[in-house]
Protein backbone atom coordinates (compact mmCIF):
# COMPACT_ATOMS: atom_id res chain seq x y z
CA MET A 1 -26.62 -290.54 38.63
CA LEU A 2 -24.06 -288.08 39.96
CA ASN A 3 -24.78 -285.66 37.14
CA LYS A 4 -28.54 -285.79 37.84
CA LYS A 5 -27.95 -285.11 41.54
CA LEU A 6 -25.56 -282.28 40.71
CA LEU A 7 -28.01 -280.72 38.27
CA THR A 8 -30.84 -281.00 40.82
CA GLY A 9 -28.70 -279.34 43.47
CA VAL A 10 -27.65 -276.51 41.15
CA ARG A 11 -31.24 -275.95 40.07
CA THR A 12 -32.42 -275.86 43.70
CA ALA A 13 -29.67 -273.39 44.60
CA LEU A 14 -30.63 -271.15 41.69
CA ILE A 15 -34.32 -271.21 42.75
CA LEU A 16 -33.41 -270.32 46.34
CA LEU A 17 -31.09 -267.55 45.15
CA SER A 18 -33.86 -266.18 42.94
CA HIS A 19 -36.34 -266.13 45.87
CA TYR A 20 -33.72 -264.51 48.13
CA THR A 21 -33.03 -261.81 45.53
CA GLN A 22 -36.76 -261.11 45.18
CA ALA A 23 -37.12 -260.86 48.97
CA VAL A 24 -34.20 -258.43 49.23
CA GLU A 25 -35.65 -256.26 46.47
CA LEU A 26 -39.05 -256.31 48.20
CA VAL A 27 -37.52 -255.12 51.46
CA LYS A 28 -35.63 -252.38 49.63
CA THR A 29 -38.90 -251.00 48.26
CA LYS A 30 -40.41 -250.67 51.75
CA THR A 31 -39.70 -247.73 54.04
CA SER A 32 -39.14 -249.04 57.55
CA SER A 33 -37.32 -248.06 60.74
CA LEU A 34 -36.78 -249.33 64.26
CA ASP A 35 -35.43 -247.43 67.28
CA LEU A 36 -34.68 -248.90 70.71
CA ASN A 37 -34.45 -246.62 73.76
CA GLY A 38 -34.24 -247.03 77.51
CA GLN A 39 -34.98 -245.05 80.64
CA ILE A 40 -33.70 -245.42 84.21
CA GLN A 41 -34.74 -243.36 87.24
CA THR A 42 -33.44 -243.88 90.77
CA LEU A 43 -35.45 -242.10 93.47
CA GLY A 44 -34.29 -241.12 96.96
CA VAL A 45 -36.80 -239.64 99.42
CA LEU A 46 -36.37 -238.00 102.83
CA GLU A 47 -39.79 -237.54 104.47
CA HIS A 48 -40.89 -235.90 107.73
CA LEU A 49 -44.30 -236.14 109.41
CA LYS A 50 -45.81 -236.84 112.83
CA ASP A 51 -45.88 -240.58 113.56
CA PRO A 52 -47.03 -241.73 117.04
CA VAL A 53 -45.50 -245.21 116.60
CA ARG A 54 -42.34 -245.06 114.50
CA ASP A 55 -39.78 -242.50 113.39
CA ASP A 56 -41.08 -239.11 112.24
CA THR A 57 -38.32 -238.96 109.64
CA ARG A 58 -38.03 -241.70 107.02
CA VAL A 59 -35.47 -242.42 104.29
CA PHE A 60 -36.28 -244.39 101.12
CA LEU A 61 -34.38 -245.44 98.00
CA PHE A 62 -36.11 -246.97 94.98
CA LEU A 63 -35.48 -247.88 91.38
CA LYS A 64 -38.43 -245.74 90.31
CA GLN A 65 -38.33 -246.60 86.63
CA SER A 66 -36.58 -249.12 84.42
CA ARG A 67 -38.12 -249.03 80.97
CA LEU A 68 -37.53 -250.01 77.37
CA GLN A 69 -39.18 -248.32 74.39
CA LEU A 70 -39.36 -249.50 70.80
CA LYS A 71 -40.77 -247.40 68.02
CA GLY A 72 -40.68 -247.68 64.27
CA THR A 73 -42.44 -247.47 60.95
CA GLN A 74 -43.47 -249.86 58.22
CA GLU A 75 -44.58 -247.93 55.16
CA GLU A 76 -47.65 -245.92 56.32
CA LEU A 77 -47.86 -247.72 59.66
CA SER A 78 -46.03 -246.59 62.77
CA TYR A 79 -45.88 -248.34 66.14
CA TYR A 80 -44.76 -247.72 69.71
CA ILE A 81 -44.06 -250.21 72.51
CA GLN A 82 -43.06 -249.36 76.10
CA LEU A 83 -42.20 -251.96 78.74
CA ARG A 84 -41.50 -251.54 82.44
CA PHE A 85 -39.61 -253.73 84.87
CA GLY A 86 -38.68 -253.99 88.55
CA GLY A 87 -40.52 -252.41 91.46
CA GLU A 88 -42.57 -250.14 89.22
CA GLU A 89 -44.43 -253.21 87.96
CA ALA A 90 -45.01 -254.68 91.43
CA ALA A 91 -46.39 -251.44 92.82
CA ASP A 92 -49.48 -251.54 90.61
CA GLU A 93 -50.21 -255.22 91.29
CA ASN A 94 -50.49 -255.75 87.56
CA SER A 95 -50.85 -259.24 86.17
CA SER A 96 -48.89 -258.45 83.01
CA LEU A 97 -45.19 -258.74 82.31
CA GLY A 98 -44.74 -255.00 82.39
CA LEU A 99 -46.59 -253.69 79.34
CA LEU A 100 -47.30 -249.96 79.34
CA ASP A 101 -47.89 -248.95 75.72
CA PHE A 102 -48.48 -251.06 72.64
CA TYR A 103 -50.20 -249.26 69.79
CA THR A 104 -50.07 -248.64 66.08
CA ASP A 105 -50.91 -245.51 64.09
CA MET A 106 -52.35 -245.64 60.59
CA PRO A 107 -54.06 -243.20 58.21
CA ALA A 108 -57.65 -242.68 59.36
CA SER A 109 -58.69 -242.78 55.68
CA TRP A 110 -58.11 -246.54 55.79
CA LEU A 111 -61.18 -246.70 58.03
CA TRP A 112 -63.21 -244.23 55.96
CA ASP A 113 -62.01 -242.24 52.94
CA ALA A 114 -63.37 -238.91 54.18
CA LEU A 115 -61.85 -239.25 57.66
CA PRO A 116 -58.80 -236.99 58.23
CA GLY A 117 -55.87 -237.56 60.57
CA THR A 118 -54.52 -240.69 62.19
CA LEU A 119 -56.21 -243.73 63.69
CA ARG A 120 -54.48 -245.08 66.81
CA VAL A 121 -55.35 -248.59 68.04
CA GLY A 122 -54.01 -250.51 71.03
CA GLN A 123 -53.07 -249.66 74.61
CA PHE A 124 -52.06 -246.04 75.27
CA LYS A 125 -52.79 -243.00 77.43
CA VAL A 126 -56.37 -241.75 77.45
CA PRO A 127 -56.36 -238.15 76.09
CA TYR A 128 -57.10 -236.38 79.37
CA SER A 129 -54.97 -234.03 81.56
CA SER A 130 -51.83 -232.44 80.13
CA GLU A 131 -49.90 -233.34 83.29
CA LYS A 132 -50.70 -237.04 82.98
CA LEU A 133 -50.12 -237.09 79.22
CA ALA A 134 -46.61 -235.64 79.63
CA SER A 135 -43.87 -238.28 79.53
CA SER A 136 -42.28 -238.88 82.95
CA LYS A 137 -38.82 -238.33 81.43
CA THR A 138 -39.72 -234.70 80.57
CA LEU A 139 -40.95 -233.69 84.04
CA LEU A 140 -39.18 -230.91 85.96
CA PHE A 141 -40.21 -232.55 89.25
CA ALA A 142 -39.58 -235.95 90.80
CA LYS A 143 -43.27 -236.86 90.54
CA ARG A 144 -46.52 -235.53 89.14
CA SER A 145 -48.59 -233.26 91.37
CA ILE A 146 -51.12 -234.21 94.02
CA GLN A 147 -54.05 -233.40 91.72
CA THR A 148 -53.37 -236.56 89.68
CA LEU A 149 -54.84 -238.57 92.59
CA ALA A 150 -58.21 -237.58 91.15
CA PHE A 151 -57.52 -236.81 87.49
CA GLY A 152 -54.67 -239.10 86.36
CA VAL A 153 -56.62 -241.35 83.99
CA GLY A 154 -53.59 -243.10 82.52
CA ARG A 155 -53.60 -245.95 80.02
CA ASP A 156 -56.45 -247.98 78.58
CA VAL A 157 -57.26 -250.20 75.61
CA GLY A 158 -59.14 -248.63 72.73
CA ALA A 159 -58.98 -246.54 69.58
CA ALA A 160 -58.65 -242.82 68.91
CA ILE A 161 -58.77 -240.39 65.99
CA ILE A 162 -55.90 -237.86 66.11
CA ILE A 163 -56.03 -234.73 63.94
CA ASP A 164 -53.20 -232.19 63.85
CA ASN A 165 -53.98 -229.42 61.39
CA ASN A 166 -51.52 -226.52 61.63
CA ASN A 167 -52.28 -224.85 64.99
CA PHE A 168 -55.39 -226.92 65.73
CA ASP A 169 -55.37 -230.41 67.19
CA PHE A 170 -58.09 -232.86 68.19
CA THR A 171 -58.07 -236.30 69.77
CA GLY A 172 -61.24 -238.31 70.38
CA GLY A 173 -61.19 -241.87 71.62
CA ILE A 174 -63.29 -244.76 72.90
CA PHE A 175 -61.87 -247.13 75.54
CA THR A 176 -62.87 -250.05 77.74
CA GLY A 177 -62.71 -248.02 80.98
CA GLY A 178 -60.99 -250.92 82.75
CA GLY A 179 -57.45 -249.62 82.31
CA ALA A 180 -54.31 -251.33 81.05
CA ASP A 181 -53.45 -255.02 80.84
CA ILE A 182 -56.88 -256.52 81.41
CA PRO A 183 -56.75 -260.29 80.71
CA GLU A 184 -59.11 -261.90 78.22
CA ARG A 185 -62.09 -263.09 80.28
CA TYR A 186 -65.64 -263.79 79.05
CA LEU A 187 -67.75 -263.04 82.12
CA PRO A 188 -71.46 -262.38 82.70
CA GLU A 189 -72.04 -258.71 81.94
CA LYS A 190 -74.51 -255.88 82.38
CA PHE A 191 -73.27 -253.27 79.93
CA GLY A 192 -73.16 -249.58 80.82
CA PHE A 193 -71.32 -247.23 78.45
CA PRO A 194 -67.66 -247.31 77.31
CA LEU A 195 -65.21 -244.62 78.30
CA ILE A 196 -65.13 -241.77 75.79
CA ALA A 197 -62.58 -238.96 75.97
CA ILE A 198 -62.07 -235.84 73.88
CA ARG A 199 -59.17 -233.39 73.94
CA THR A 200 -58.89 -230.40 71.61
CA GLY A 201 -57.12 -227.07 71.45
CA ILE A 202 -54.70 -224.74 69.71
CA THR A 203 -50.91 -224.49 69.77
CA ASN A 204 -49.30 -221.33 68.41
CA SER A 205 -45.90 -220.91 66.80
CA ASP A 206 -44.66 -219.11 69.93
CA LYS A 207 -45.18 -222.40 71.85
CA SER A 208 -48.21 -221.19 73.74
CA SER A 209 -51.24 -223.47 73.85
CA PHE A 210 -54.73 -223.89 75.26
CA HIS A 211 -56.66 -227.16 75.46
CA ILE A 212 -59.88 -228.48 76.93
CA ASN A 213 -60.69 -232.13 77.61
CA ALA A 214 -63.65 -234.14 78.84
CA LEU A 215 -64.32 -237.78 79.76
CA TYR A 216 -67.45 -239.82 80.45
CA THR A 217 -68.25 -243.45 81.20
CA LYS A 218 -71.11 -245.45 82.70
CA ASP A 219 -69.95 -248.41 84.75
CA SER A 220 -70.57 -251.99 83.60
CA GLU A 221 -71.20 -254.97 85.88
CA VAL A 222 -68.82 -257.78 84.95
CA GLY A 223 -68.63 -261.04 86.90
CA HIS A 224 -68.63 -260.31 90.64
CA SER A 225 -67.61 -256.66 90.33
CA THR A 226 -67.67 -253.67 87.98
CA VAL A 227 -65.27 -252.24 85.39
CA LEU A 228 -64.45 -249.05 87.31
CA LYS A 229 -64.00 -250.82 90.64
CA VAL A 230 -61.45 -253.41 89.46
CA LYS A 231 -59.11 -251.08 87.56
CA TYR A 232 -55.57 -252.22 88.54
CA SER A 233 -53.54 -249.08 87.90
CA ASP A 234 -53.97 -245.34 87.35
CA TYR A 235 -57.32 -245.40 89.10
CA SER A 236 -58.77 -242.19 90.50
CA ILE A 237 -59.87 -241.75 94.12
CA LEU A 238 -63.33 -241.37 92.54
CA GLN A 239 -63.03 -245.01 91.41
CA SER A 240 -61.52 -246.47 94.57
CA SER A 241 -64.00 -248.23 96.87
CA LYS A 242 -61.67 -247.25 99.75
CA TRP A 243 -62.25 -243.55 99.02
CA ASN A 244 -65.64 -243.65 97.31
CA PRO A 245 -68.32 -245.07 99.69
CA PHE A 246 -70.92 -245.33 96.89
CA ILE A 247 -69.03 -247.36 94.27
CA GLY A 248 -68.67 -250.44 96.48
CA THR A 249 -72.15 -250.43 98.01
CA THR A 250 -74.26 -253.57 97.56
CA PRO A 251 -76.53 -254.31 95.90
CA ILE A 252 -74.44 -252.87 93.09
CA ASP A 253 -75.76 -249.78 91.34
CA LEU A 254 -73.83 -248.81 88.22
CA GLY A 255 -72.58 -245.24 88.49
CA SER A 256 -71.26 -242.73 85.99
CA LEU A 257 -67.89 -240.95 85.99
CA PHE A 258 -67.47 -237.52 84.42
CA LEU A 259 -64.32 -235.37 84.20
CA ILE A 260 -63.79 -232.00 82.55
CA GLY A 261 -60.81 -229.66 82.53
CA GLY A 262 -58.61 -227.24 80.67
CA ASP A 263 -54.91 -226.43 80.49
CA MET A 264 -52.55 -223.83 79.05
CA THR A 265 -48.84 -223.35 78.39
CA ALA A 266 -46.69 -220.36 77.48
CA GLU A 267 -42.99 -219.81 76.83
CA VAL A 268 -40.97 -216.61 76.40
CA PRO A 269 -37.22 -215.85 75.95
CA LEU A 270 -35.62 -214.45 79.08
CA GLY A 271 -32.00 -213.33 79.17
CA VAL A 272 -29.67 -216.26 78.50
CA GLY A 273 -32.52 -218.76 78.77
CA LYS A 274 -36.28 -218.93 78.60
CA PHE A 275 -39.21 -218.87 80.99
CA SER A 276 -42.11 -221.30 80.76
CA MET A 277 -45.39 -221.54 82.61
CA SER A 278 -48.26 -224.00 82.53
CA GLY A 279 -51.39 -224.80 84.44
CA GLU A 280 -54.53 -226.87 84.44
CA LEU A 281 -57.87 -227.00 86.28
CA ASN A 282 -60.14 -230.03 86.59
CA TYR A 283 -63.52 -231.05 87.97
CA GLY A 284 -64.72 -234.61 88.46
CA THR A 285 -67.85 -236.31 89.71
CA TYR A 286 -69.10 -239.84 90.34
CA LYS A 287 -72.82 -240.49 90.68
CA ASN A 288 -75.14 -243.43 91.36
CA THR A 289 -78.39 -243.90 93.30
CA TYR A 290 -76.49 -244.08 96.63
CA GLY A 291 -74.99 -240.62 96.27
CA THR A 292 -72.75 -238.18 94.42
CA LEU A 293 -69.05 -237.39 94.95
CA SER A 294 -67.23 -234.44 93.45
CA VAL A 295 -63.67 -233.15 93.50
CA TYR A 296 -61.83 -230.09 92.18
CA GLY A 297 -58.13 -229.85 91.47
CA GLY A 298 -55.42 -228.04 89.60
CA SER A 299 -51.71 -227.45 89.22
CA PHE A 300 -49.63 -224.44 88.13
CA GLN A 301 -45.90 -224.25 87.52
CA GLY A 302 -43.29 -221.81 86.30
CA ALA A 303 -39.67 -222.48 85.41
CA PHE A 304 -36.54 -220.77 84.15
CA HIS A 305 -34.54 -222.89 81.70
CA GLN A 306 -30.84 -222.74 80.83
CA PRO A 307 -28.75 -225.25 78.85
CA LYS A 308 -27.32 -226.78 82.06
CA MET A 309 -30.05 -226.09 84.58
CA ASP A 310 -33.81 -225.72 85.14
CA ILE A 311 -35.25 -223.96 88.20
CA GLY A 312 -38.98 -224.24 88.83
CA VAL A 313 -41.78 -224.12 91.36
CA ARG A 314 -45.19 -225.79 91.36
CA TYR A 315 -48.40 -225.21 93.26
CA ALA A 316 -51.16 -227.83 93.17
CA PHE A 317 -54.37 -228.39 95.07
CA LEU A 318 -57.10 -230.96 95.49
CA LYS A 319 -60.50 -230.31 97.09
CA PRO A 320 -62.63 -233.40 97.79
CA ASP A 321 -66.18 -233.01 99.03
CA ASN A 322 -67.27 -234.06 102.50
CA ASP A 323 -68.74 -237.43 101.44
CA PHE A 324 -65.44 -239.21 100.81
CA SER A 325 -64.72 -242.20 103.08
CA SER A 326 -62.91 -242.35 106.43
CA GLY A 327 -63.48 -238.75 107.49
CA ILE A 328 -61.28 -237.20 104.80
CA GLY A 329 -63.27 -233.98 105.00
CA ASP A 330 -63.56 -231.19 102.48
CA GLU A 331 -60.47 -229.16 103.38
CA ILE A 332 -58.25 -228.27 100.43
CA ILE A 333 -55.02 -230.26 100.14
CA HIS A 334 -52.17 -227.97 99.07
CA GLU A 335 -48.79 -228.79 97.50
CA VAL A 336 -45.94 -226.30 97.08
CA THR A 337 -42.84 -227.76 95.41
CA PRO A 338 -39.64 -225.93 94.41
CA ALA A 339 -37.34 -227.92 92.11
CA LEU A 340 -33.88 -227.83 90.56
CA THR A 341 -32.71 -229.89 87.59
CA TYR A 342 -29.00 -230.12 86.79
CA LYS A 343 -28.13 -231.59 83.38
CA LEU A 344 -24.97 -233.67 83.55
CA LYS A 345 -25.21 -234.65 79.86
CA GLY A 346 -28.01 -232.70 78.24
CA ASP A 347 -31.43 -234.27 78.75
CA ASN A 348 -29.93 -237.77 78.66
CA VAL A 349 -28.36 -237.65 82.13
CA LYS A 350 -29.79 -235.28 84.72
CA LEU A 351 -30.25 -234.86 88.44
CA ILE A 352 -33.62 -233.62 89.75
CA VAL A 353 -34.00 -232.34 93.31
CA ASP A 354 -37.33 -231.08 94.65
CA MET A 355 -38.92 -230.42 98.04
CA PRO A 356 -42.70 -230.94 98.21
CA MET A 357 -44.49 -229.27 101.11
CA LEU A 358 -47.87 -230.96 101.52
CA ILE A 359 -50.34 -228.93 103.58
CA ASN A 360 -53.49 -230.52 105.03
CA VAL A 361 -52.63 -233.82 103.36
CA PRO A 362 -54.58 -236.86 104.68
CA VAL A 363 -52.47 -239.22 106.82
CA ALA A 364 -53.75 -242.62 108.01
CA THR A 365 -52.39 -244.04 111.28
CA GLU A 366 -52.49 -247.80 111.82
CA SER A 367 -52.47 -248.95 115.43
CA GLY A 368 -49.12 -250.42 116.41
CA VAL A 369 -47.60 -249.84 112.96
CA GLY A 370 -47.44 -246.14 112.20
CA SER A 371 -48.57 -243.49 109.73
CA TYR A 372 -49.06 -243.52 105.97
CA VAL A 373 -49.10 -240.37 103.82
CA LEU A 374 -52.15 -241.04 101.66
CA SER A 375 -50.95 -239.04 98.67
CA GLU A 376 -48.18 -241.67 98.40
CA GLN A 377 -50.10 -244.73 99.70
CA PRO A 378 -53.78 -244.10 98.83
CA ASP A 379 -54.76 -247.75 99.39
CA GLN A 380 -53.84 -247.47 103.08
CA ILE A 381 -56.81 -245.19 103.80
CA THR A 382 -58.60 -248.02 105.65
CA SER A 383 -55.58 -248.87 107.84
CA GLY A 384 -56.77 -246.75 110.77
CA SER A 385 -57.77 -243.24 111.77
CA VAL A 386 -57.28 -240.48 109.21
CA GLY A 387 -56.19 -236.94 110.02
CA ARG A 388 -54.66 -233.98 108.24
CA GLN A 389 -50.98 -233.02 108.55
CA LYS A 390 -48.22 -230.92 107.06
CA VAL A 391 -45.66 -233.24 105.46
CA VAL A 392 -42.29 -232.19 104.03
CA GLN A 393 -40.26 -234.31 101.62
CA LEU A 394 -36.90 -233.99 99.92
CA ARG A 395 -36.70 -236.03 96.73
CA THR A 396 -33.79 -236.74 94.39
CA ILE A 397 -33.91 -238.46 91.01
CA LEU A 398 -31.01 -239.51 88.83
CA GLN A 399 -32.36 -240.04 85.31
CA VAL A 400 -30.46 -241.73 82.49
CA LEU A 401 -31.84 -242.04 78.95
CA PHE A 402 -30.14 -244.14 76.29
């Protein structure tokens, strides 16, 4: 009996060892990788404006970003995941656990043999606006410019074809239009048209580039609201019912959103460093039977780069039309921001100091509470009377990448 049990045990061990060896050999034949990275940004802000109720000068300190990124490959597949934590998650009132990006890239030929490039599927940034597409960890300024209030499309769920052929590149995608982290809900629906976005251009070997992009969607009625109206994060002032008086009007009329713009970059050697410049211009409009809103915007920046330091300046503007809510008016909002970046340990540890001067920026004043700068708190537009002011800020970011 003992011999039979011993033989059975040995045979079982040999079978398991054989399966383990096969599994190890299978893994060895696959090409795979996994990288884990993190990003921390602390933000300090000194702000001065006219406040009839509370202090004209305010001081703030935030953990602006605390993120983890995972990226890797599995044979011909690649994937990218980015998570956020802390106050950054709470600010957008998102119902998720902090998901920003979660997508996979695969050969587009898997979808159709004649299709070139890469197919991207999941949740990722809509291909519109070079400023919004740039990673926050590469910015020369503490925040993106004021024009992103109208043109910062941000993340959505969908699929895109990406083609990069020598100097030419093209990205075309189709998305839900509802933004990131929408829960699975099967609601009564009146379908409009999904969000489609196209971005294409050329990039030369001297690191100069020119791109154009365009976006269109027709709103869909879902449940008690619409897709554009309930977007939780990265929504434009054209989509906000607090800024747009036509999108929230009842009975609901489904409107269309259209954006178009172009951008350029250039870089040249200069002494012991290099000089870079970039700029973009955008136009957007929302239209339904109640009316039409339009807005223009743009940003331009130049910078001198050295191994230990970057010095730059940015000008941005935003021109809403006169039909926006709460007496915003059609005066141009200007932003002029000088900035200095000091690199303590290359790009991994750096200190960014900038000083935005906001001219004719809308400020809402709530009775008995005080004033809100609407470029920073756009949802507070209905808190009280709205006027235009000059606001000066001093911002400092300590960024650590690992």
